[in-house]
Amino acid sequence: MATVAAACAPNSAPGPAALTPRRGGTVVNALQAEITNLDPGVSGDQPSLAAFSLIYEGLVGLTADLQPIPALATSWTQEGTAWTFKLRQGVKFHDGAAFNAAAVKATFDRYFGPPADRPLRANQVTPVVDRVEVVDDFTVRFVTKDLDAFFLDRLADAAGITGSWGFIISPDAIKKFGKDLARNAVGTGPFTFVEWIKDERFVVARNEAYWGDKAYLDKVILRSVPEPEARIIGLEALDIHIARTLNPEAQERIAKNPALAPSIRTTTRALFFGVASLKKPYSDIRVRQALNHAVDKQSIVKNLYNGLAEQINGPIVPGQTGYVALPGFAYDPAKAKQLLADAGYPNGFSATLVGPKGAYFKDFELQQAVQQQLRAVGVNVRLETVEFAKYLEFVRKDPRTSELEMWLDATGGGPTVHWIRQRYGCEFFRPNGTNTAGSCYPDIDATLLEAQRNTDPNRRLALLKESQEKISLQAPSVWVLATKEIAGVSKKLHDFVHMGNGVLTVNARTWIEA
């Protein structure tokens, strides 16, 4: 039996000791794309997560270094497949509803309703959770479908890292709004929802009834500013206080500005390229491996990202549980051409690569670089650049019917078993999971499930290593890099939060000078 109890800890960088925090002020945070939906059961994209982090809380939170800590749950125990959580008392939702075990169950009941009525993120809950039980008013029990050594990590991850299904929603709001939760957010967090004017602003205000220390800030405004240069200009004009996903060239410019400071964070954010494994020519492993040999990842890291990235050779990046360094595919255009010829494509082939612009760190420039390198081995790629919301529509399609051939892919990290199975597992083709590629490797699925069930930490790590080695060689994606995120911040802003997955936000402890 495992037991954990701890006090809730701050997850932000400390401000200067000589300054005293003050109450008041409004902070403007520039997002790299528009928020897509206010329902945590539906959206898990980075802009929406930035909004959720202000309004909602999960049972388990995370430090800035992505370590689980108590949030709405104060402690937990595990016995076999049962995880029992003691809940924080005296907490109210923004609409006045009481937070208790019944409220937690109401959030998760949405995922177990009739299939047609389930929110999108049910595909990350129902494969793992068998049921949620109310033990008493302030005790709730999750029973998993199998032994799961990573369930706590899943629950923490699902409250703001790569997912959102762990955020707890007001039961009264669930009844009142139903699917209109997409436009109405009601949680327990330090800020309350005020308004959302699409493509203009998203506004929250201090929650005066918050269970913890009341927020210093009066309001927070999120604005969509897709172009990195526009975000920098906004910072320089003091119209924006905080902005992330800036280009490497901005680092020196920000550092020289007396009103601004750069924040550089090593992250679990990975950028790579998906390929449609169910379609020719990508169904041939030789083609997928050829694409990996054709991309000069070290050159991209050095010349495009100015060293603010790290080459990856598989789906797991440094900082994620069980990460192991892999040999991957050396840059070898001659070998790429030979593999293509062996697969029946001596003259290469043509393809369309779909991706956003400005949503991720140098995402468009990365697509251009890979386009040029693939052209050198005979693969002629046409770039199709789409708005972020449209991009999400594309990647959420069932791989058996999707028109996608190649696409920019991204992840913010997350529990290793969950992430690999969801992205590449046989059971998790969209919409049942996040497998856009249509890849399916039963032996890798079996290895990952064994790791999940295993109670020996050393054996678990060995199994995670084996699964990473196998999937790297299968090359269901073109592995490229993990990024360091550059943000720009007003020097008047203190105790902001720059997470290990790249998320840049504020919390109740954040304050701004007058």
Protein backbone atom coordinates (compact mmCIF):
# COMPACT_ATOMS: atom_id res chain seq x y z
CA MET A 1 0.00 0.00 0.00
CA ALA A 2 1.29 3.47 -0.94
CA THR A 3 0.32 6.57 1.04
CA VAL A 4 1.08 10.23 0.35
CA ALA A 5 0.19 13.41 2.21
CA ALA A 6 1.71 16.84 1.84
CA ALA A 7 0.97 20.52 2.01
CA CYS A 8 0.17 22.30 -1.22
CA ALA A 9 3.36 23.90 -2.52
CA PRO A 10 3.91 26.90 -4.78
CA ASN A 11 5.08 26.20 -8.30
CA SER A 12 6.39 29.58 -9.34
CA ALA A 13 9.75 31.33 -9.39
CA PRO A 14 10.27 33.60 -6.35
CA GLY A 15 10.32 37.33 -6.85
CA PRO A 16 12.99 39.65 -5.39
CA ALA A 17 13.07 39.39 -1.60
CA ALA A 18 13.41 43.17 -1.22
CA LEU A 19 9.98 43.81 -2.73
CA THR A 20 6.69 43.32 -0.92
CA PRO A 21 3.82 41.80 -2.96
CA ARG A 22 0.91 44.14 -3.48
CA ARG A 23 -2.72 43.44 -4.24
CA GLY A 24 -4.21 44.82 -7.44
CA GLY A 25 -3.48 45.23 -11.12
CA THR A 26 -4.28 43.50 -14.39
CA VAL A 27 -1.90 41.25 -16.31
CA VAL A 28 -2.08 40.61 -20.06
CA ASN A 29 -0.77 37.24 -21.25
CA ALA A 30 -0.24 36.83 -25.01
CA LEU A 31 -1.08 33.33 -26.25
CA GLN A 32 0.35 31.86 -29.44
CA ALA A 33 -3.12 30.80 -30.65
CA GLU A 34 -6.81 31.29 -29.83
CA ILE A 35 -8.51 29.35 -27.05
CA THR A 36 -10.68 26.68 -28.67
CA ASN A 37 -13.10 25.58 -25.92
CA LEU A 38 -13.77 26.19 -22.22
CA ASP A 39 -14.87 22.64 -21.45
CA PRO A 40 -11.99 20.65 -19.89
CA GLY A 41 -13.70 17.49 -21.10
CA VAL A 42 -13.20 18.61 -24.69
CA SER A 43 -10.04 20.68 -25.13
CA GLY A 44 -6.47 19.92 -24.13
CA ASP A 45 -4.62 22.34 -26.41
CA GLN A 46 -2.10 24.73 -24.90
CA PRO A 47 -4.12 27.98 -25.26
CA SER A 48 -7.18 26.38 -23.66
CA LEU A 49 -5.02 24.91 -20.88
CA ALA A 50 -3.77 28.43 -20.15
CA ALA A 51 -7.38 29.44 -19.49
CA PHE A 52 -8.21 26.29 -17.51
CA SER A 53 -5.22 26.77 -15.20
CA LEU A 54 -6.69 30.03 -13.93
CA ILE A 55 -10.22 28.75 -13.29
CA TYR A 56 -10.06 25.02 -12.61
CA GLU A 57 -8.17 22.75 -10.26
CA GLY A 58 -7.65 19.00 -10.15
CA LEU A 59 -7.34 16.61 -7.25
CA VAL A 60 -3.61 16.53 -7.85
CA GLY A 61 -1.47 19.48 -8.94
CA LEU A 62 2.06 19.82 -10.24
CA THR A 63 5.12 21.79 -9.32
CA ALA A 64 6.87 23.81 -12.02
CA ASP A 65 9.15 20.78 -12.42
CA LEU A 66 6.09 18.56 -13.04
CA GLN A 67 6.12 16.67 -9.73
CA PRO A 68 2.67 15.72 -8.30
CA ILE A 69 1.47 17.65 -5.24
CA PRO A 70 -1.88 17.81 -3.41
CA ALA A 71 -4.47 20.25 -4.76
CA LEU A 72 -8.19 19.58 -4.17
CA ALA A 73 -7.12 16.29 -2.61
CA THR A 74 -5.00 16.56 0.52
CA SER A 75 -3.76 12.94 0.57
CA TRP A 76 -4.19 9.61 -1.21
CA THR A 77 -3.63 5.90 -0.73
CA GLN A 78 -3.36 3.00 -3.17
CA GLU A 79 -4.40 -0.60 -2.59
CA GLY A 80 -4.28 -2.69 -5.75
CA THR A 81 -6.52 -1.09 -8.35
CA ALA A 82 -8.17 1.26 -5.81
CA TRP A 83 -6.91 4.82 -5.32
CA THR A 84 -8.58 6.64 -2.44
CA PHE A 85 -8.38 10.43 -2.14
CA LYS A 86 -9.13 12.55 0.92
CA LEU A 87 -10.61 15.84 -0.24
CA ARG A 88 -10.00 19.39 0.89
CA GLN A 89 -12.87 20.74 2.99
CA GLY A 90 -14.39 24.22 2.93
CA VAL A 91 -14.04 24.63 -0.84
CA LYS A 92 -16.76 26.20 -3.01
CA PHE A 93 -17.12 26.37 -6.76
CA HIS A 94 -17.44 29.82 -8.32
CA ASP A 95 -21.24 29.41 -8.56
CA GLY A 96 -21.50 28.58 -4.84
CA ALA A 97 -21.86 24.82 -5.26
CA ALA A 98 -20.08 22.74 -2.63
CA PHE A 99 -16.93 20.83 -3.53
CA ASN A 100 -17.17 17.28 -2.22
CA ALA A 101 -16.91 13.65 -3.33
CA ALA A 102 -20.24 13.86 -5.16
CA ALA A 103 -18.91 16.79 -7.19
CA VAL A 104 -15.83 14.81 -8.18
CA LYS A 105 -18.02 11.90 -9.24
CA ALA A 106 -20.28 14.25 -11.24
CA THR A 107 -17.26 15.42 -13.28
CA PHE A 108 -16.24 11.86 -14.08
CA ASP A 109 -19.79 10.61 -14.68
CA ARG A 110 -19.77 12.72 -17.85
CA TYR A 111 -17.09 10.43 -19.28
CA PHE A 112 -19.14 7.29 -18.61
CA GLY A 113 -22.45 8.47 -20.05
CA PRO A 114 -24.00 7.33 -23.35
CA PRO A 115 -21.23 7.26 -26.00
CA ALA A 116 -22.90 9.96 -28.10
CA ASP A 117 -22.98 12.33 -25.11
CA ARG A 118 -19.46 11.77 -23.80
CA PRO A 119 -16.96 14.65 -24.02
CA LEU A 120 -13.99 14.11 -26.33
CA ARG A 121 -11.58 13.47 -23.45
CA ALA A 122 -13.55 10.40 -22.41
CA ASN A 123 -11.14 8.60 -24.72
CA GLN A 124 -8.40 9.17 -22.12
CA VAL A 125 -10.52 8.22 -19.09
CA THR A 126 -12.58 5.16 -19.95
CA PRO A 127 -9.63 2.98 -21.03
CA VAL A 128 -8.06 3.51 -17.59
CA VAL A 129 -10.80 4.13 -14.99
CA ASP A 130 -13.43 1.49 -14.27
CA ARG A 131 -15.51 3.54 -11.87
CA VAL A 132 -15.52 6.42 -9.37
CA GLU A 133 -17.10 5.83 -5.96
CA VAL A 134 -18.23 8.21 -3.22
CA VAL A 135 -16.93 6.81 0.08
CA ASP A 136 -18.15 9.71 2.20
CA ASP A 137 -18.58 13.47 1.70
CA PHE A 138 -14.84 14.09 1.55
CA THR A 139 -13.47 10.76 0.37
CA VAL A 140 -13.59 9.54 -3.21
CA ARG A 141 -12.24 6.30 -4.68
CA PHE A 142 -11.07 5.65 -8.23
CA VAL A 143 -10.98 2.01 -9.28
CA THR A 144 -8.76 1.44 -12.30
CA LYS A 145 -9.35 -1.30 -14.85
CA ASP A 146 -5.93 -2.76 -14.19
CA LEU A 147 -3.01 -2.29 -11.86
CA ASP A 148 -1.61 1.09 -12.82
CA ALA A 149 1.69 2.27 -11.37
CA PHE A 150 1.29 5.54 -13.26
CA PHE A 151 -2.29 6.50 -12.30
CA LEU A 152 -1.26 9.37 -10.04
CA ASP A 153 0.92 10.77 -12.84
CA ARG A 154 -2.02 10.43 -15.23
CA LEU A 155 -4.30 12.33 -12.86
CA ALA A 156 -1.77 15.12 -12.34
CA ASP A 157 -1.00 15.29 -16.07
CA ALA A 158 -4.73 15.55 -16.75
CA ALA A 159 -4.92 18.79 -14.79
CA GLY A 160 -2.94 21.00 -17.10
CA ILE A 161 0.04 19.34 -18.78
CA THR A 162 -1.09 17.41 -21.84
CA GLY A 163 -4.66 16.92 -20.76
CA SER A 164 -7.59 18.51 -19.02
CA TRP A 165 -9.93 15.69 -18.01
CA GLY A 166 -8.68 15.86 -14.40
CA PHE A 167 -10.07 19.36 -13.79
CA ILE A 168 -13.13 19.29 -11.50
CA ILE A 169 -16.22 21.14 -12.78
CA SER A 170 -19.13 22.48 -10.72
CA PRO A 171 -21.92 19.86 -10.69
CA ASP A 172 -24.49 22.65 -10.88
CA ALA A 173 -22.74 24.04 -13.98
CA ILE A 174 -22.75 20.59 -15.58
CA LYS A 175 -26.53 20.42 -15.11
CA LYS A 176 -27.12 24.03 -16.16
CA PHE A 177 -24.89 24.31 -19.21
CA GLY A 178 -24.40 20.79 -20.55
CA LYS A 179 -22.54 21.11 -23.84
CA ASP A 180 -22.56 24.89 -23.38
CA LEU A 181 -19.70 24.42 -20.92
CA ALA A 182 -17.76 25.16 -24.09
CA ARG A 183 -18.54 28.83 -23.40
CA ASN A 184 -18.95 28.78 -19.61
CA ALA A 185 -16.20 27.86 -17.14
CA VAL A 186 -17.02 27.17 -13.47
CA GLY A 187 -14.30 25.72 -11.26
CA THR A 188 -12.72 26.21 -7.82
CA GLY A 189 -9.58 28.08 -8.90
CA PRO A 190 -8.15 31.44 -7.79
CA PHE A 191 -9.82 33.30 -10.67
CA THR A 192 -13.40 33.36 -11.94
CA PHE A 193 -14.55 33.56 -15.55
CA VAL A 194 -15.71 37.02 -16.68
CA GLU A 195 -15.93 36.98 -20.48
CA TRP A 196 -14.55 35.46 -23.66
CA ILE A 197 -14.72 37.48 -26.87
CA LYS A 198 -13.24 35.18 -29.48
CA ASP A 199 -10.10 36.48 -31.21
CA GLU A 200 -10.08 39.50 -28.88
CA ARG A 201 -9.77 38.65 -25.20
CA PHE A 202 -10.47 36.13 -22.45
CA VAL A 203 -10.89 37.71 -18.99
CA VAL A 204 -10.87 36.33 -15.45
CA ALA A 205 -11.11 38.15 -12.10
CA ARG A 206 -9.93 37.36 -8.57
CA ASN A 207 -12.02 34.72 -6.80
CA GLU A 208 -12.83 36.48 -3.52
CA ALA A 209 -14.13 33.22 -2.05
CA TYR A 210 -11.06 31.14 -2.93
CA TRP A 211 -10.21 28.42 -0.40
CA GLY A 212 -6.50 29.32 -0.35
CA ASP A 213 -4.68 32.63 -0.28
CA LYS A 214 -6.61 35.13 -2.40
CA ALA A 215 -4.96 36.14 -5.66
CA TYR A 216 -2.95 39.36 -5.65
CA LEU A 217 -4.03 40.26 -9.18
CA ASP A 218 -7.42 41.86 -9.84
CA LYS A 219 -7.72 40.48 -13.37
CA VAL A 220 -5.91 38.43 -15.99
CA ILE A 221 -6.49 38.92 -19.70
CA LEU A 222 -5.47 36.30 -22.28
CA ARG A 223 -5.06 37.50 -25.87
CA SER A 224 -4.36 35.50 -28.98
CA VAL A 225 -1.29 36.92 -30.76
CA PRO A 226 -0.22 34.27 -33.32
CA GLU A 227 2.87 36.02 -34.72
CA PRO A 228 5.97 35.82 -32.48
CA GLU A 229 7.17 39.24 -33.66
CA ALA A 230 3.83 40.78 -32.70
CA ARG A 231 4.17 39.29 -29.22
CA ILE A 232 7.61 40.89 -28.83
CA ILE A 233 6.35 44.27 -30.06
CA GLY A 234 3.51 44.05 -27.55
CA LEU A 235 5.99 43.36 -24.76
CA GLU A 236 8.18 46.28 -25.81
CA ALA A 237 5.16 48.59 -25.94
CA LEU A 238 4.18 47.39 -22.44
CA ASP A 239 0.77 46.34 -23.80
CA ILE A 240 1.64 42.74 -22.87
CA HIS A 241 3.20 41.62 -19.59
CA ILE A 242 4.02 38.03 -20.43
CA ALA A 243 4.39 36.03 -23.65
CA ARG A 244 5.83 32.63 -24.56
CA THR A 245 7.01 30.71 -27.63
CA LEU A 246 9.28 33.50 -28.82
CA ASN A 247 11.97 32.98 -31.42
CA PRO A 248 15.65 32.55 -30.41
CA GLU A 249 16.49 35.90 -31.98
CA ALA A 250 14.25 37.58 -29.40
CA GLN A 251 16.40 36.53 -26.45
CA GLU A 252 19.04 39.24 -26.82
CA ARG A 253 16.46 41.84 -27.76
CA ILE A 254 14.48 41.18 -24.59
CA ALA A 255 17.58 41.04 -22.40
CA LYS A 256 18.67 44.50 -23.63
CA ASN A 257 15.29 46.06 -22.82
CA PRO A 258 15.41 47.55 -19.30
CA ALA A 259 11.69 46.89 -18.82
CA LEU A 260 11.78 43.20 -19.80
CA ALA A 261 13.44 39.94 -18.82
CA PRO A 262 13.71 36.64 -20.71
CA SER A 263 12.59 33.38 -19.12
CA ILE A 264 14.17 30.29 -20.69
CA ARG A 265 12.83 26.89 -19.69
CA THR A 266 13.98 23.39 -20.59
CA THR A 267 10.73 21.63 -21.37
CA THR A 268 9.13 18.31 -22.23
CA ARG A 269 7.66 19.95 -25.36
CA ALA A 270 8.52 17.82 -28.39
CA LEU A 271 8.08 18.69 -32.07
CA PHE A 272 8.11 15.93 -34.68
CA PHE A 273 6.20 14.85 -37.79
CA GLY A 274 3.37 12.38 -38.03
CA VAL A 275 2.92 10.09 -41.03
CA ALA A 276 -0.19 8.20 -42.12
CA SER A 277 0.88 4.64 -41.32
CA LEU A 278 -2.24 3.08 -42.89
CA LYS A 279 -1.55 4.63 -46.31
CA LYS A 280 1.01 3.95 -48.97
CA PRO A 281 3.87 4.76 -49.06
CA TYR A 282 3.99 5.29 -45.26
CA SER A 283 2.70 1.80 -44.45
CA ASP A 284 6.16 0.54 -45.49
CA ILE A 285 8.62 0.73 -42.59
CA ARG A 286 11.45 1.38 -45.06
CA VAL A 287 9.76 4.61 -46.16
CA ARG A 288 9.25 5.76 -42.57
CA GLN A 289 12.86 5.00 -41.71
CA ALA A 290 14.02 6.76 -44.88
CA LEU A 291 12.20 9.92 -43.82
CA ASN A 292 14.01 9.80 -40.48
CA HIS A 293 17.42 9.33 -42.14
CA ALA A 294 16.66 12.29 -44.46
CA VAL A 295 16.25 14.87 -41.68
CA ASP A 296 19.39 16.50 -40.27
CA LYS A 297 18.18 17.05 -36.73
CA GLN A 298 21.48 18.32 -35.34
CA SER A 299 21.67 20.99 -38.04
CA ILE A 300 18.12 22.08 -37.24
CA VAL A 301 18.89 22.26 -33.50
CA LYS A 302 22.07 24.27 -34.09
CA ASN A 303 21.12 26.57 -36.96
CA LEU A 304 17.37 27.02 -36.70
CA TYR A 305 16.94 26.86 -32.92
CA ASN A 306 20.31 28.36 -31.97
CA GLY A 307 20.87 25.43 -29.62
CA LEU A 308 17.60 26.06 -27.75
CA ALA A 309 16.44 22.50 -28.46
CA GLU A 310 17.67 18.93 -28.16
CA GLN A 311 17.52 16.15 -30.73
CA ILE A 312 15.14 13.31 -29.89
CA ASN A 313 15.17 9.82 -31.35
CA GLY A 314 11.90 8.51 -30.01
CA PRO A 315 8.57 9.53 -28.45
CA ILE A 316 9.87 10.22 -24.92
CA VAL A 317 12.02 13.25 -24.11
CA PRO A 318 14.37 14.08 -21.21
CA GLY A 319 12.31 14.89 -18.13
CA GLN A 320 9.66 12.24 -18.75
CA THR A 321 9.54 9.12 -16.56
CA GLY A 322 11.68 6.30 -17.88
CA TYR A 323 13.39 8.32 -20.63
CA VAL A 324 16.35 6.56 -22.22
CA ALA A 325 18.77 7.89 -24.84
CA LEU A 326 18.27 6.08 -28.14
CA PRO A 327 20.57 5.78 -31.18
CA GLY A 328 17.78 6.75 -33.56
CA PHE A 329 18.48 7.32 -37.25
CA ALA A 330 21.69 9.04 -38.27
CA TYR A 331 21.43 11.76 -40.89
CA ASP A 332 22.23 9.79 -44.04
CA PRO A 333 20.61 11.00 -47.31
CA ALA A 334 22.24 8.18 -49.30
CA LYS A 335 20.73 5.56 -47.00
CA ALA A 336 17.37 7.37 -47.19
CA LYS A 337 17.44 7.17 -51.00
CA GLN A 338 18.39 3.48 -50.89
CA LEU A 339 15.54 2.65 -48.51
CA LEU A 340 13.10 4.52 -50.74
CA ALA A 341 14.37 2.59 -53.78
CA ASP A 342 14.09 -0.70 -51.90
CA ALA A 343 10.50 0.19 -51.05
CA GLY A 344 9.70 0.80 -54.72
CA TYR A 345 10.17 4.58 -54.83
CA PRO A 346 13.51 5.14 -56.60
CA ASN A 347 12.31 8.57 -57.75
CA GLY A 348 10.74 9.46 -54.43
CA PHE A 349 7.13 10.64 -54.13
CA SER A 350 5.05 13.74 -53.40
CA ALA A 351 3.22 14.54 -50.18
CA THR A 352 1.30 17.27 -48.37
CA LEU A 353 2.40 18.33 -44.89
CA VAL A 354 -0.21 20.10 -42.74
CA GLY A 355 0.82 22.36 -39.87
CA PRO A 356 0.09 25.61 -38.01
CA LYS A 357 2.18 28.76 -37.95
CA GLY A 358 3.08 30.38 -34.64
CA ALA A 359 1.41 27.82 -32.38
CA TYR A 360 4.71 26.17 -31.40
CA PHE A 361 8.32 27.30 -31.14
CA LYS A 362 9.54 28.02 -34.72
CA ASP A 363 6.95 25.58 -36.03
CA PHE A 364 6.65 27.02 -39.56
CA GLU A 365 10.40 27.40 -39.98
CA LEU A 366 10.81 23.77 -38.85
CA GLN A 367 8.35 22.65 -41.50
CA GLN A 368 10.26 24.60 -44.14
CA ALA A 369 13.60 23.08 -43.07
CA VAL A 370 12.24 19.54 -43.20
CA GLN A 371 10.60 20.26 -46.55
CA GLN A 372 13.99 21.22 -48.00
CA GLN A 373 15.78 18.21 -46.53
CA LEU A 374 13.17 15.74 -47.76
CA ARG A 375 13.31 17.28 -51.23
CA ALA A 376 17.03 16.39 -51.32
CA VAL A 377 16.11 12.67 -51.22
CA GLY A 378 13.29 12.94 -53.75
CA VAL A 379 10.32 13.49 -51.42
CA ASN A 380 8.57 16.62 -52.67
CA VAL A 381 6.52 18.07 -49.83
CA ARG A 382 3.87 20.75 -50.24
CA LEU A 383 3.25 22.74 -47.06
CA GLU A 384 -0.38 23.41 -46.17
CA THR A 385 -0.44 26.03 -43.41
CA VAL A 386 -3.71 26.29 -41.49
CA GLU A 387 -5.05 28.18 -38.46
CA PHE A 388 -4.58 26.37 -35.16
CA ALA A 389 -8.26 25.45 -34.73
CA LYS A 390 -8.34 23.95 -38.23
CA TYR A 391 -5.09 22.10 -37.52
CA LEU A 392 -6.71 20.52 -34.45
CA GLU A 393 -9.65 19.44 -36.61
CA PHE A 394 -7.26 17.69 -38.98
CA VAL A 395 -5.29 15.80 -36.35
CA ARG A 396 -8.43 14.69 -34.48
CA LYS A 397 -9.78 12.72 -37.45
CA ASP A 398 -9.98 8.93 -37.53
CA PRO A 399 -6.81 7.72 -39.32
CA ARG A 400 -8.87 5.22 -41.30
CA THR A 401 -10.72 8.03 -43.05
CA SER A 402 -8.42 11.06 -42.59
CA GLU A 403 -6.98 12.81 -45.64
CA LEU A 404 -3.74 13.59 -43.77
CA GLU A 405 -0.47 12.31 -45.21
CA MET A 406 2.13 14.12 -43.08
CA TRP A 407 1.67 16.71 -40.34
CA LEU A 408 3.55 18.63 -37.69
CA ASP A 409 2.97 16.86 -34.39
CA ALA A 410 3.61 18.06 -30.84
CA THR A 411 3.34 16.92 -27.26
CA GLY A 412 3.94 18.53 -23.90
CA GLY A 413 5.10 15.31 -22.27
CA GLY A 414 3.08 13.27 -19.82
CA PRO A 415 3.20 9.77 -18.30
CA THR A 416 5.26 7.54 -20.58
CA VAL A 417 2.93 4.54 -20.81
CA HIS A 418 -0.12 6.72 -21.30
CA TRP A 419 1.56 8.91 -23.91
CA ILE A 420 2.96 6.12 -26.11
CA ARG A 421 -0.20 3.99 -25.99
CA GLN A 422 -2.50 6.93 -26.66
CA ARG A 423 -0.40 8.19 -29.58
CA TYR A 424 0.56 4.89 -31.19
CA GLY A 425 -1.51 2.11 -29.57
CA CYS A 426 -3.77 -0.29 -31.48
CA GLU A 427 -6.81 0.51 -29.30
CA PHE A 428 -6.45 4.27 -29.51
CA PHE A 429 -7.21 5.31 -33.08
CA ARG A 430 -9.01 8.63 -32.96
CA PRO A 431 -11.63 9.32 -31.71
CA ASN A 432 -10.97 6.60 -29.10
CA GLY A 433 -7.55 8.06 -28.31
CA THR A 434 -4.97 10.37 -29.87
CA ASN A 435 -3.54 7.96 -32.47
CA THR A 436 -3.73 10.09 -35.62
CA ALA A 437 -1.21 7.98 -37.55
CA GLY A 438 -3.06 4.66 -37.43
CA SER A 439 0.04 2.87 -36.16
CA CYS A 440 -0.44 -0.45 -34.37
CA TYR A 441 2.25 -2.59 -32.73
CA PRO A 442 0.70 -5.27 -30.47
CA ASP A 443 4.06 -6.31 -29.01
CA ILE A 444 4.81 -2.74 -27.91
CA ASP A 445 1.31 -2.40 -26.43
CA ALA A 446 1.92 -5.61 -24.45
CA THR A 447 5.28 -4.36 -23.15
CA LEU A 448 3.75 -1.07 -22.02
CA LEU A 449 0.87 -2.82 -20.26
CA GLU A 450 3.33 -5.04 -18.43
CA ALA A 451 5.21 -1.91 -17.29
CA GLN A 452 1.96 -0.36 -16.08
CA ARG A 453 1.06 -3.46 -14.03
CA ASN A 454 4.51 -4.17 -12.64
CA THR A 455 5.20 -3.35 -8.99
CA ASP A 456 9.01 -3.57 -9.33
CA PRO A 457 10.39 -0.09 -10.21
CA ASN A 458 13.53 -1.52 -11.82
CA ARG A 459 11.54 -3.94 -13.97
CA ARG A 460 9.19 -1.09 -14.97
CA LEU A 461 12.11 1.01 -16.16
CA ALA A 462 13.51 -1.91 -18.14
CA LEU A 463 10.15 -2.40 -19.84
CA LEU A 464 9.86 1.32 -20.62
CA LYS A 465 13.34 1.18 -22.15
CA GLU A 466 12.38 -1.83 -24.29
CA SER A 467 9.19 -0.14 -25.53
CA GLN A 468 11.04 3.06 -26.47
CA GLU A 469 13.69 1.12 -28.38
CA LYS A 470 11.08 -0.81 -30.32
CA ILE A 471 8.90 2.14 -31.27
CA SER A 472 11.88 4.28 -32.24
CA LEU A 473 12.88 1.68 -34.85
CA GLN A 474 9.30 1.33 -36.13
CA ALA A 475 9.44 5.07 -36.92
CA PRO A 476 5.71 5.89 -36.79
CA SER A 477 6.86 9.52 -36.67
CA VAL A 478 9.81 11.52 -37.93
CA TRP A 479 11.51 12.27 -34.63
CA VAL A 480 13.07 15.75 -34.47
CA LEU A 481 13.53 17.70 -31.23
CA ALA A 482 12.50 18.78 -27.75
CA THR A 483 12.47 22.53 -27.22
CA LYS A 484 13.62 25.04 -24.68
CA GLU A 485 10.91 27.69 -24.44
CA ILE A 486 11.75 31.39 -24.55
CA ALA A 487 9.35 33.76 -22.88
CA GLY A 488 9.40 37.49 -22.38
CA VAL A 489 8.18 38.97 -19.09
CA SER A 490 7.73 42.48 -17.74
CA LYS A 491 10.18 43.14 -14.92
CA LYS A 492 7.24 44.50 -12.94
CA LEU A 493 5.65 41.04 -12.90
CA HIS A 494 6.71 38.70 -10.08
CA ASP A 495 6.15 35.04 -9.21
CA PHE A 496 4.84 34.06 -12.62
CA VAL A 497 4.76 30.35 -13.49
CA HIS A 498 6.89 28.80 -16.27
CA MET A 499 6.19 25.07 -16.25
CA GLY A 500 8.41 22.24 -17.38
CA ASN A 501 6.07 21.57 -20.29
CA GLY A 502 6.46 25.15 -21.52
CA VAL A 503 3.17 26.48 -20.15
CA LEU A 504 3.53 30.10 -19.06
CA THR A 505 0.87 31.45 -16.73
CA VAL A 506 0.13 33.18 -13.44
CA ASN A 507 -1.41 31.97 -10.20
CA ALA A 508 -2.67 33.34 -6.88
CA ARG A 509 0.88 34.27 -5.80
CA THR A 510 1.67 36.29 -8.92
CA TRP A 511 1.75 40.05 -8.43
CA ILE A 512 2.61 43.17 -10.40
CA GLU A 513 4.18 46.44 -9.34
CA ALA A 514 2.12 49.59 -9.68
